[in-house]
Amino acid sequence: METYYVTYNKTGFIDNWTTEKIDGFLPIQSEPALFTVLNCVRVVDGIAVMDQSQLEREKEAYWQTPPSDLEVVQQENAHLLLYSAELEAVIQQSQREDAELLFVLAEKGVL
């Protein structure tokens, strides 16, 4: 267990963590793994405790939140990169086929 300093939100969950003693922050004991976890950790008898039901609610809220504009653009960019790679593969295949055809035509004396 380590000593950390925290503040709570209205519902009693930790909403700020620090390792430094700051006015308005309360000292607690916590496992290092919980350090920086927000809105899912309560303090019980001076010890940080993960609230599993709140964690599940936070996860559910996260997945139900529509993507931000940045996330939408990143997803579109990923799709465009994939599409570009697929087109490049088609172009390369077409170029190989064209080269093979030209080679055959040249061998036959057509060109």
C-alpha atoms as a PDB file:
ATOM      1  CA  MET A   1       0.000   0.000   0.000  1.00  0.00           C
ATOM      2  CA  GLU A   2       1.117   3.498  -0.835  1.00  0.00           C
ATOM      3  CA  THR A   3       0.028   6.878   0.476  1.00  0.00           C
ATOM      4  CA  TYR A   4      -1.794   9.098  -2.003  1.00  0.00           C
ATOM      5  CA  TYR A   5      -3.815  12.275  -1.732  1.00  0.00           C
ATOM      6  CA  VAL A   6      -7.273  12.499  -3.262  1.00  0.00           C
ATOM      7  CA  THR A   7     -10.439  14.499  -3.651  1.00  0.00           C
ATOM      8  CA  TYR A   8     -13.951  13.086  -3.997  1.00  0.00           C
ATOM      9  CA  ASN A   9     -16.864  13.979  -6.233  1.00  0.00           C
ATOM     10  CA  LYS A  10     -20.460  14.415  -5.015  1.00  0.00           C
ATOM     11  CA  THR A  11     -21.117  10.684  -5.222  1.00  0.00           C
ATOM     12  CA  GLY A  12     -18.109   9.814  -3.064  1.00  0.00           C
ATOM     13  CA  PHE A  13     -15.826   8.527  -5.786  1.00  0.00           C
ATOM     14  CA  ILE A  14     -12.245   9.703  -6.142  1.00  0.00           C
ATOM     15  CA  ASP A  15     -12.002  12.322  -8.868  1.00  0.00           C
ATOM     16  CA  ASN A  16      -8.380  13.445  -8.381  1.00  0.00           C
ATOM     17  CA  TRP A  17      -5.221  11.673  -7.267  1.00  0.00           C
ATOM     18  CA  THR A  18      -1.759  12.953  -6.465  1.00  0.00           C
ATOM     19  CA  THR A  19       1.359  11.747  -4.746  1.00  0.00           C
ATOM     20  CA  GLU A  20       2.010  15.200  -3.302  1.00  0.00           C
ATOM     21  CA  LYS A  21       0.344  16.682  -0.243  1.00  0.00           C
ATOM     22  CA  ILE A  22      -1.864  19.516  -1.528  1.00  0.00           C
ATOM     23  CA  ASP A  23      -4.387  21.645   0.342  1.00  0.00           C
ATOM     24  CA  GLY A  24      -7.858  20.188  -0.049  1.00  0.00           C
ATOM     25  CA  PHE A  25      -6.596  16.686  -0.840  1.00  0.00           C
ATOM     26  CA  LEU A  26      -7.056  13.966   1.754  1.00  0.00           C
ATOM     27  CA  PRO A  27      -4.424  11.307   2.504  1.00  0.00           C
ATOM     28  CA  ILE A  28      -5.397   7.695   1.832  1.00  0.00           C
ATOM     29  CA  GLN A  29      -3.776   4.306   1.412  1.00  0.00           C
ATOM     30  CA  SER A  30      -4.096   2.509  -1.899  1.00  0.00           C
ATOM     31  CA  GLU A  31      -2.669  -0.215  -4.036  1.00  0.00           C
ATOM     32  CA  PRO A  32      -0.591   1.358  -6.823  1.00  0.00           C
ATOM     33  CA  ALA A  33      -2.834  -0.298  -9.433  1.00  0.00           C
ATOM     34  CA  LEU A  34      -5.727   1.953  -8.397  1.00  0.00           C
ATOM     35  CA  PHE A  35      -3.688   5.139  -8.620  1.00  0.00           C
ATOM     36  CA  THR A  36      -5.290   7.452 -11.209  1.00  0.00           C
ATOM     37  CA  VAL A  37      -8.495   5.391 -11.575  1.00  0.00           C
ATOM     38  CA  LEU A  38     -11.279   7.957 -11.491  1.00  0.00           C
ATOM     39  CA  ASN A  39     -14.977   7.761 -10.657  1.00  0.00           C
ATOM     40  CA  CYS A  40     -14.866   4.075  -9.679  1.00  0.00           C
ATOM     41  CA  VAL A  41     -12.853   4.094  -6.462  1.00  0.00           C
ATOM     42  CA  ARG A  42     -14.222   4.911  -3.019  1.00  0.00           C
ATOM     43  CA  VAL A  43     -12.329   5.395   0.214  1.00  0.00           C
ATOM     44  CA  VAL A  44     -13.390   3.063   3.009  1.00  0.00           C
ATOM     45  CA  ASP A  45     -11.701   3.575   6.373  1.00  0.00           C
ATOM     46  CA  GLY A  46      -8.892   5.497   4.673  1.00  0.00           C
ATOM     47  CA  ILE A  47      -8.234   2.800   2.070  1.00  0.00           C
ATOM     48  CA  ALA A  48      -9.052   3.020  -1.637  1.00  0.00           C
ATOM     49  CA  VAL A  49     -11.482   0.315  -2.758  1.00  0.00           C
ATOM     50  CA  MET A  50     -12.634  -0.357  -6.317  1.00  0.00           C
ATOM     51  CA  ASP A  51     -16.423  -0.268  -6.644  1.00  0.00           C
ATOM     52  CA  GLN A  52     -17.065  -3.004  -9.205  1.00  0.00           C
ATOM     53  CA  SER A  53     -20.678  -2.012  -9.862  1.00  0.00           C
ATOM     54  CA  GLN A  54     -19.631   1.584 -10.540  1.00  0.00           C
ATOM     55  CA  LEU A  55     -16.835   0.321 -12.778  1.00  0.00           C
ATOM     56  CA  GLU A  56     -19.395  -1.632 -14.802  1.00  0.00           C
ATOM     57  CA  ARG A  57     -21.624   1.458 -15.045  1.00  0.00           C
ATOM     58  CA  GLU A  58     -18.659   3.524 -16.236  1.00  0.00           C
ATOM     59  CA  LYS A  59     -17.782   0.892 -18.840  1.00  0.00           C
ATOM     60  CA  GLU A  60     -21.369   0.753 -20.052  1.00  0.00           C
ATOM     61  CA  ALA A  61     -21.551   4.538 -20.269  1.00  0.00           C
ATOM     62  CA  TYR A  62     -18.285   4.573 -22.202  1.00  0.00           C
ATOM     63  CA  TRP A  63     -19.555   2.096 -24.792  1.00  0.00           C
ATOM     64  CA  GLN A  64     -22.872   3.917 -25.147  1.00  0.00           C
ATOM     65  CA  THR A  65     -21.209   7.277 -25.681  1.00  0.00           C
ATOM     66  CA  PRO A  66     -21.189   8.201 -29.347  1.00  0.00           C
ATOM     67  CA  PRO A  67     -17.726   8.583 -30.838  1.00  0.00           C
ATOM     68  CA  SER A  68     -16.175  12.027 -30.859  1.00  0.00           C
ATOM     69  CA  ASP A  69     -15.532  13.838 -34.119  1.00  0.00           C
ATOM     70  CA  LEU A  70     -11.858  12.945 -33.796  1.00  0.00           C
ATOM     71  CA  GLU A  71     -12.660   9.253 -33.325  1.00  0.00           C
ATOM     72  CA  VAL A  72     -14.944   9.341 -36.372  1.00  0.00           C
ATOM     73  CA  VAL A  73     -12.213  10.924 -38.485  1.00  0.00           C
ATOM     74  CA  GLN A  74      -9.657   8.399 -37.212  1.00  0.00           C
ATOM     75  CA  GLN A  75     -11.988   5.530 -38.113  1.00  0.00           C
ATOM     76  CA  GLU A  76     -12.649   6.994 -41.557  1.00  0.00           C
ATOM     77  CA  ASN A  77      -8.912   7.423 -42.051  1.00  0.00           C
ATOM     78  CA  ALA A  78      -8.317   3.789 -41.126  1.00  0.00           C
ATOM     79  CA  HIS A  79     -10.962   2.682 -43.634  1.00  0.00           C
ATOM     80  CA  LEU A  80      -9.447   4.879 -46.340  1.00  0.00           C
ATOM     81  CA  LEU A  81      -5.976   3.480 -45.678  1.00  0.00           C
ATOM     82  CA  LEU A  82      -7.321  -0.050 -45.959  1.00  0.00           C
ATOM     83  CA  TYR A  83      -9.193   0.825 -49.154  1.00  0.00           C
ATOM     84  CA  SER A  84      -6.044   2.432 -50.565  1.00  0.00           C
ATOM     85  CA  ALA A  85      -4.020  -0.699 -49.796  1.00  0.00           C
ATOM     86  CA  GLU A  86      -6.655  -2.876 -51.466  1.00  0.00           C
ATOM     87  CA  LEU A  87      -6.632  -0.650 -54.553  1.00  0.00           C
ATOM     88  CA  GLU A  88      -2.847  -0.767 -54.659  1.00  0.00           C
ATOM     89  CA  ALA A  89      -2.981  -4.568 -54.623  1.00  0.00           C
ATOM     90  CA  VAL A  90      -5.510  -4.569 -57.487  1.00  0.00           C
ATOM     91  CA  ILE A  91      -3.367  -2.132 -59.477  1.00  0.00           C
ATOM     92  CA  GLN A  92      -0.252  -4.235 -58.959  1.00  0.00           C
ATOM     93  CA  GLN A  93      -2.095  -7.378 -60.046  1.00  0.00           C
ATOM     94  CA  SER A  94      -3.388  -5.586 -63.131  1.00  0.00           C
ATOM     95  CA  GLN A  95       0.112  -4.349 -63.965  1.00  0.00           C
ATOM     96  CA  ARG A  96       1.494  -7.889 -63.641  1.00  0.00           C
ATOM     97  CA  GLU A  97      -1.210  -9.231 -65.928  1.00  0.00           C
ATOM     98  CA  ASP A  98      -0.580  -6.441 -68.455  1.00  0.00           C
ATOM     99  CA  ALA A  99       3.164  -7.141 -68.378  1.00  0.00           C
ATOM    100  CA  GLU A 100       2.569 -10.862 -68.900  1.00  0.00           C
ATOM    101  CA  LEU A 101       0.248 -10.149 -71.818  1.00  0.00           C
ATOM    102  CA  LEU A 102       2.755  -7.777 -73.417  1.00  0.00           C
ATOM    103  CA  PHE A 103       5.499 -10.361 -72.965  1.00  0.00           C
ATOM    104  CA  VAL A 104       3.394 -13.063 -74.631  1.00  0.00           C
ATOM    105  CA  LEU A 105       2.466 -10.714 -77.481  1.00  0.00           C
ATOM    106  CA  ALA A 106       6.114  -9.745 -77.942  1.00  0.00           C
ATOM    107  CA  GLU A 107       7.173 -13.408 -77.993  1.00  0.00           C
ATOM    108  CA  LYS A 108       4.584 -14.141 -80.668  1.00  0.00           C
ATOM    109  CA  GLY A 109       5.793 -11.193 -82.725  1.00  0.00           C
ATOM    110  CA  VAL A 110       2.527  -9.320 -82.505  1.00  0.00           C
ATOM    111  CA  LEU A 111       4.268  -6.279 -81.055  1.00  0.00           C
END
